[in-house]
Amino acid sequence: MSTPEATSGSEAAQANEIRRPGYVVVLTGDGKGKTTSALGMAVRAIGRGLRVMMLQFLKGTWTYGELETAKRLAPDLTIRPLGEGFVHVDPENPDPKDVACAERAWEVCRETLSSGDYDMIIFDELNTTISYGLLPVDEVIAVLRERPPQVHVVVTGRGAHPKMVEYADLVTEMKEIKHPFRNGATARKGIEY
């Protein structure tokens, strides 16, 4: 049985935790596991009572395993695909339709970030979107600087821009050591999607 002092101490600790500034986490690299790591962070956050939104830049029409997980964890986890599927672009000359799609997605991200509805927001494949020349890194960082201070932001994708790496509080690079794709294997449900 807790005493009133223990309860008020616990409430004070929770209030202090809420006031701490949120992190910006960058998960990048050529290895598998960036989105998966972000989802692991989401599960941990949900376990602590936080609400999480994942906004996916490049994923669009496929049914991914994480979408089914989000249905099970709703309303604490919401995943929203904003892309039109995987794209491969020339960063020096991106297709205007890909730029327009990224700009529409970024507008949703900006609105979600400023809404105050979520404690953690994951921008899945934002690093890749920036590296493809579809969004300017300076604009992205400016928006992140203006977010509500307690919101954690996780940014995934290959090729994190050096400015994003410098701005982030925590950066992890996934490095591929071995992958079945190298031997001709195809993507598997529950592993790659």
Protein backbone atom coordinates (compact mmCIF):
# COMPACT_ATOMS: atom_id res chain seq x y z
CA MET A 1 0.00 0.00 0.00
CA SER A 2 1.45 3.36 -0.97
CA THR A 3 1.64 6.26 1.38
CA PRO A 4 0.47 9.78 0.42
CA GLU A 5 4.12 10.85 0.33
CA ALA A 6 5.01 8.01 -2.06
CA THR A 7 2.05 8.86 -4.28
CA SER A 8 2.87 12.55 -4.43
CA GLY A 9 6.54 11.73 -5.06
CA SER A 10 5.53 9.45 -7.92
CA GLU A 11 3.21 12.10 -9.36
CA ALA A 12 5.98 14.69 -9.08
CA ALA A 13 8.38 12.36 -10.91
CA GLN A 14 5.79 11.83 -13.68
CA ALA A 15 5.20 15.57 -13.99
CA ASN A 16 8.96 16.17 -14.16
CA GLU A 17 9.30 13.49 -16.88
CA ILE A 18 6.59 15.18 -18.96
CA ARG A 19 8.45 18.52 -18.77
CA ARG A 20 11.74 17.05 -20.02
CA PRO A 21 12.49 17.93 -23.64
CA GLY A 22 11.80 15.25 -26.22
CA TYR A 23 14.60 13.68 -28.20
CA VAL A 24 15.21 13.71 -31.92
CA VAL A 25 16.40 10.21 -32.84
CA VAL A 26 17.86 9.36 -36.25
CA LEU A 27 17.97 5.73 -37.40
CA THR A 28 19.93 5.42 -40.62
CA GLY A 29 22.37 3.22 -42.52
CA ASP A 30 22.30 0.56 -45.21
CA GLY A 31 21.37 -2.28 -42.87
CA LYS A 32 17.91 -3.65 -42.19
CA GLY A 33 16.05 -2.61 -39.07
CA LYS A 34 15.49 1.15 -39.10
CA THR A 35 11.70 1.06 -39.23
CA THR A 36 11.68 -2.02 -37.01
CA SER A 37 13.79 -0.23 -34.40
CA ALA A 38 11.46 2.78 -34.52
CA LEU A 39 8.50 0.46 -33.96
CA GLY A 40 10.33 -1.07 -31.00
CA MET A 41 10.67 2.42 -29.55
CA ALA A 42 6.95 2.93 -30.19
CA VAL A 43 6.07 -0.26 -28.31
CA ARG A 44 8.22 0.83 -25.37
CA ALA A 45 6.62 4.29 -25.38
CA ILE A 46 3.11 2.83 -25.50
CA GLY A 47 4.02 0.61 -22.55
CA ARG A 48 4.73 3.83 -20.63
CA GLY A 49 1.43 5.42 -21.55
CA LEU A 50 2.60 7.55 -24.50
CA ARG A 51 0.66 7.97 -27.74
CA VAL A 52 2.59 7.35 -30.95
CA MET A 53 2.01 8.30 -34.60
CA MET A 54 4.09 6.90 -37.45
CA LEU A 55 3.90 8.81 -40.73
CA GLN A 56 5.40 6.90 -43.65
CA PHE A 57 6.83 8.87 -46.56
CA LEU A 58 7.53 6.23 -49.19
CA LYS A 59 5.19 3.41 -48.26
CA GLY A 60 1.81 3.55 -49.88
CA THR A 61 -0.43 0.86 -51.26
CA TRP A 62 1.00 -2.39 -49.91
CA THR A 63 -0.35 -4.00 -46.75
CA TYR A 64 2.56 -4.05 -44.30
CA GLY A 65 2.70 -6.05 -41.09
CA GLU A 66 3.11 -2.89 -39.06
CA LEU A 67 -0.29 -1.66 -40.26
CA GLU A 68 -1.92 -4.75 -38.75
CA THR A 69 0.00 -4.21 -35.51
CA ALA A 70 -1.23 -0.62 -35.35
CA LYS A 71 -4.82 -1.85 -35.58
CA ARG A 72 -4.18 -4.03 -32.53
CA LEU A 73 -2.51 -1.22 -30.57
CA ALA A 74 -4.99 1.51 -31.53
CA PRO A 75 -5.59 4.17 -30.34
CA ASP A 76 -2.12 4.32 -28.78
CA LEU A 77 -0.35 3.62 -32.10
CA THR A 78 -1.46 5.06 -35.41
CA ILE A 79 0.39 4.45 -38.68
CA ARG A 80 -0.43 6.48 -41.73
CA PRO A 81 1.18 5.75 -45.12
CA LEU A 82 1.55 8.99 -47.07
CA GLY A 83 3.52 7.87 -50.12
CA GLU A 84 2.71 6.20 -53.39
CA GLY A 85 5.00 3.21 -52.91
CA PHE A 86 8.72 2.81 -53.19
CA VAL A 87 10.40 5.34 -55.47
CA HIS A 88 13.86 5.48 -56.96
CA VAL A 89 14.73 8.97 -58.04
CA ASP A 90 17.62 10.95 -59.38
CA PRO A 91 18.38 13.37 -56.50
CA GLU A 92 19.71 15.89 -59.03
CA ASN A 93 16.49 15.80 -61.06
CA PRO A 94 13.55 14.40 -59.05
CA ASP A 95 10.21 13.86 -60.76
CA PRO A 96 7.85 16.77 -59.93
CA LYS A 97 5.09 14.30 -58.95
CA ASP A 98 7.43 12.72 -56.36
CA VAL A 99 8.30 16.19 -55.03
CA ALA A 100 4.59 17.09 -54.81
CA CYS A 101 3.83 13.83 -52.97
CA ALA A 102 6.65 14.49 -50.47
CA GLU A 103 5.46 18.06 -49.92
CA ARG A 104 1.89 16.86 -49.24
CA ALA A 105 3.25 14.28 -46.80
CA TRP A 106 5.41 16.89 -45.08
CA GLU A 107 2.38 19.15 -44.60
CA VAL A 108 0.62 16.29 -42.78
CA CYS A 109 3.76 15.81 -40.68
CA ARG A 110 3.90 19.49 -39.76
CA GLU A 111 0.25 19.51 -38.71
CA THR A 112 0.65 16.31 -36.68
CA LEU A 113 3.81 17.60 -34.99
CA SER A 114 2.17 20.84 -33.88
CA SER A 115 -1.15 19.21 -32.87
CA GLY A 116 0.00 18.11 -29.42
CA ASP A 117 -1.94 14.85 -29.89
CA TYR A 118 1.11 12.57 -29.78
CA ASP A 119 4.07 12.08 -27.46
CA MET A 120 6.23 10.38 -30.10
CA ILE A 121 6.08 10.89 -33.85
CA ILE A 122 8.00 8.66 -36.23
CA PHE A 123 8.82 10.05 -39.67
CA ASP A 124 9.50 6.80 -41.51
CA GLU A 125 11.82 7.18 -44.53
CA LEU A 126 12.20 10.94 -44.05
CA ASN A 127 16.00 10.60 -44.33
CA THR A 128 15.58 8.86 -47.68
CA THR A 129 13.09 11.49 -48.83
CA ILE A 130 15.61 14.24 -48.05
CA SER A 131 18.48 12.33 -49.69
CA TYR A 132 16.37 11.93 -52.85
CA GLY A 133 16.05 15.72 -53.05
CA LEU A 134 12.30 15.66 -52.40
CA LEU A 135 12.41 17.89 -49.29
CA PRO A 136 14.97 20.47 -48.13
CA VAL A 137 16.79 19.43 -44.97
CA ASP A 138 16.93 23.01 -43.63
CA GLU A 139 13.14 23.29 -43.72
CA VAL A 140 12.74 19.94 -41.95
CA ILE A 141 15.12 20.94 -39.17
CA ALA A 142 13.44 24.34 -38.78
CA VAL A 143 10.10 22.61 -38.22
CA LEU A 144 11.64 20.14 -35.76
CA ARG A 145 13.09 23.06 -33.78
CA GLU A 146 9.59 24.56 -33.41
CA ARG A 147 7.85 21.37 -32.27
CA PRO A 148 6.24 21.18 -28.82
CA PRO A 149 9.24 20.65 -26.54
CA GLN A 150 8.11 17.38 -24.94
CA VAL A 151 7.51 15.52 -28.24
CA HIS A 152 9.97 12.80 -29.21
CA VAL A 153 10.69 12.54 -32.95
CA VAL A 154 12.19 9.48 -34.62
CA VAL A 155 13.46 9.86 -38.20
CA THR A 156 14.27 6.74 -40.20
CA GLY A 157 15.75 6.01 -43.60
CA ARG A 158 19.04 5.52 -45.40
CA GLY A 159 21.38 8.37 -46.15
CA ALA A 160 20.72 10.71 -43.24
CA HIS A 161 21.86 14.20 -44.19
CA PRO A 162 24.88 15.42 -42.16
CA LYS A 163 22.81 18.38 -40.89
CA MET A 164 20.17 15.96 -39.57
CA VAL A 165 22.86 13.88 -37.88
CA GLU A 166 24.30 17.02 -36.28
CA TYR A 167 20.88 18.23 -35.10
CA ALA A 168 19.71 14.92 -33.61
CA ASP A 169 20.16 13.96 -29.98
CA LEU A 170 20.68 10.27 -30.73
CA VAL A 171 21.87 8.69 -33.99
CA THR A 172 22.18 5.00 -34.78
CA GLU A 173 23.54 3.63 -38.02
CA MET A 174 22.40 0.16 -39.08
CA LYS A 175 25.16 -1.71 -40.90
CA GLU A 176 24.44 -4.73 -43.07
CA ILE A 177 26.74 -7.64 -42.34
CA LYS A 178 24.77 -10.35 -44.13
CA HIS A 179 21.34 -10.51 -45.77
CA PRO A 180 19.51 -13.33 -47.63
CA PHE A 181 18.76 -10.89 -50.48
CA ARG A 182 22.41 -11.25 -51.52
CA ASN A 183 21.71 -14.92 -52.29
CA GLY A 184 18.56 -14.21 -54.29
CA ALA A 185 15.99 -14.53 -51.51
CA THR A 186 12.81 -12.47 -51.81
CA ALA A 187 11.09 -10.37 -49.15
CA ARG A 188 9.22 -12.34 -46.50
CA LYS A 189 6.04 -11.52 -44.61
CA GLY A 190 6.83 -10.66 -41.01
CA ILE A 191 10.50 -9.98 -41.75
CA GLU A 192 10.66 -7.34 -44.50
CA TYR A 193 7.00 -6.33 -44.63
